[in-house]
Amino acid sequence: MTRTFTIDTEREEDGRFIAEVTELPGVMAYGKSEDEARSRVGALALRVLADEIENDDSVELSNIAFARS
């Protein structure tokens, strides 16, 4: 089973980029560039998923993919 997560990015008025994993509420990160924001939010998403796995034996993750929206 592949679990795919979508990363949305937007440029803020101050020039920074914000990235969000739409399937994981509250998982957002800023970066100076779009790539930096995407990298940071991907790392945060993996931390959230690791916490889910550690605290819930029913979570199954055999494949993880991140896709641009």
C-alpha atoms as a PDB file:
ATOM      1  CA  MET A   1       0.000   0.000   0.000  1.00  0.00           C
ATOM      2  CA  THR A   2       1.376   3.392  -0.972  1.00  0.00           C
ATOM      3  CA  ARG A   3       0.389   6.370   1.121  1.00  0.00           C
ATOM      4  CA  THR A   4       0.728   9.550  -0.945  1.00  0.00           C
ATOM      5  CA  PHE A   5       0.813  13.023   0.559  1.00  0.00           C
ATOM      6  CA  THR A   6       0.264  16.248  -1.348  1.00  0.00           C
ATOM      7  CA  ILE A   7       2.439  19.278  -0.656  1.00  0.00           C
ATOM      8  CA  ASP A   8       0.897  22.642  -1.515  1.00  0.00           C
ATOM      9  CA  THR A   9       3.149  25.701  -1.616  1.00  0.00           C
ATOM     10  CA  GLU A  10       2.405  29.398  -1.733  1.00  0.00           C
ATOM     11  CA  ARG A  11       4.513  32.514  -1.705  1.00  0.00           C
ATOM     12  CA  GLU A  12       3.742  34.898   1.147  1.00  0.00           C
ATOM     13  CA  GLU A  13       3.662  38.686   0.747  1.00  0.00           C
ATOM     14  CA  ASP A  14       6.991  38.964   2.584  1.00  0.00           C
ATOM     15  CA  GLY A  15       8.665  36.711  -0.014  1.00  0.00           C
ATOM     16  CA  ARG A  16       8.868  33.549   2.079  1.00  0.00           C
ATOM     17  CA  PHE A  17       7.290  30.305   0.920  1.00  0.00           C
ATOM     18  CA  ILE A  18       4.911  28.229   2.999  1.00  0.00           C
ATOM     19  CA  ALA A  19       4.358  24.539   2.338  1.00  0.00           C
ATOM     20  CA  GLU A  20       1.565  22.375   3.710  1.00  0.00           C
ATOM     21  CA  VAL A  21       0.883  18.641   3.640  1.00  0.00           C
ATOM     22  CA  THR A  22      -2.842  18.679   2.934  1.00  0.00           C
ATOM     23  CA  GLU A  23      -3.531  15.180   4.309  1.00  0.00           C
ATOM     24  CA  LEU A  24      -1.918  15.998   7.676  1.00  0.00           C
ATOM     25  CA  PRO A  25      -3.731  18.947   9.305  1.00  0.00           C
ATOM     26  CA  GLY A  26      -1.389  21.485  10.844  1.00  0.00           C
ATOM     27  CA  VAL A  27       1.739  20.204   9.084  1.00  0.00           C
ATOM     28  CA  MET A  28       3.151  23.431   7.626  1.00  0.00           C
ATOM     29  CA  ALA A  29       6.622  24.927   7.262  1.00  0.00           C
ATOM     30  CA  TYR A  30       8.217  28.103   5.936  1.00  0.00           C
ATOM     31  CA  GLY A  31      11.327  28.451   3.811  1.00  0.00           C
ATOM     32  CA  LYS A  32      13.302  31.136   1.996  1.00  0.00           C
ATOM     33  CA  SER A  33      12.736  29.210  -1.227  1.00  0.00           C
ATOM     34  CA  GLU A  34      10.021  26.846  -2.409  1.00  0.00           C
ATOM     35  CA  ASP A  35      12.454  23.917  -2.269  1.00  0.00           C
ATOM     36  CA  GLU A  36      13.459  24.772   1.303  1.00  0.00           C
ATOM     37  CA  ALA A  37       9.811  24.988   2.410  1.00  0.00           C
ATOM     38  CA  ARG A  38       9.029  21.646   0.693  1.00  0.00           C
ATOM     39  CA  SER A  39      12.036  19.994   2.317  1.00  0.00           C
ATOM     40  CA  ARG A  40      11.149  21.284   5.759  1.00  0.00           C
ATOM     41  CA  VAL A  41       7.491  20.272   5.547  1.00  0.00           C
ATOM     42  CA  GLY A  42       8.473  16.815   4.250  1.00  0.00           C
ATOM     43  CA  ALA A  43      10.756  16.312   7.251  1.00  0.00           C
ATOM     44  CA  LEU A  44       8.012  17.504   9.601  1.00  0.00           C
ATOM     45  CA  ALA A  45       5.495  15.150   7.981  1.00  0.00           C
ATOM     46  CA  LEU A  46       7.853  12.218   8.520  1.00  0.00           C
ATOM     47  CA  ARG A  47       8.187  13.163  12.203  1.00  0.00           C
ATOM     48  CA  VAL A  48       4.385  13.245  12.539  1.00  0.00           C
ATOM     49  CA  LEU A  49       4.092   9.860  10.817  1.00  0.00           C
ATOM     50  CA  ALA A  50       6.829   8.392  13.027  1.00  0.00           C
ATOM     51  CA  ASP A  51       4.879   9.548  16.068  1.00  0.00           C
ATOM     52  CA  GLU A  52       1.718   7.917  14.669  1.00  0.00           C
ATOM     53  CA  ILE A  53       3.573   4.636  14.123  1.00  0.00           C
ATOM     54  CA  GLU A  54       5.119   4.739  17.588  1.00  0.00           C
ATOM     55  CA  ASN A  55       1.767   5.342  19.281  1.00  0.00           C
ATOM     56  CA  ASP A  56      -0.616   3.304  17.114  1.00  0.00           C
ATOM     57  CA  ASP A  57       0.168  -0.255  16.049  1.00  0.00           C
ATOM     58  CA  SER A  58      -2.559  -0.145  13.366  1.00  0.00           C
ATOM     59  CA  VAL A  59      -0.724   2.427  11.222  1.00  0.00           C
ATOM     60  CA  GLU A  60       0.608   0.682   8.112  1.00  0.00           C
ATOM     61  CA  LEU A  61       3.232   2.390   5.976  1.00  0.00           C
ATOM     62  CA  SER A  62       5.006   0.279   3.444  1.00  0.00           C
ATOM     63  CA  ASN A  63       5.553   3.081   0.907  1.00  0.00           C
ATOM     64  CA  ILE A  64       5.399   6.838   1.339  1.00  0.00           C
ATOM     65  CA  ALA A  65       5.318   9.361  -1.512  1.00  0.00           C
ATOM     66  CA  PHE A  66       5.131  13.137  -1.614  1.00  0.00           C
ATOM     67  CA  ALA A  67       3.570  14.796  -4.648  1.00  0.00           C
ATOM     68  CA  ARG A  68       3.296  18.390  -5.779  1.00  0.00           C
ATOM     69  CA  SER A  69      -0.201  19.700  -6.076  1.00  0.00           C
END
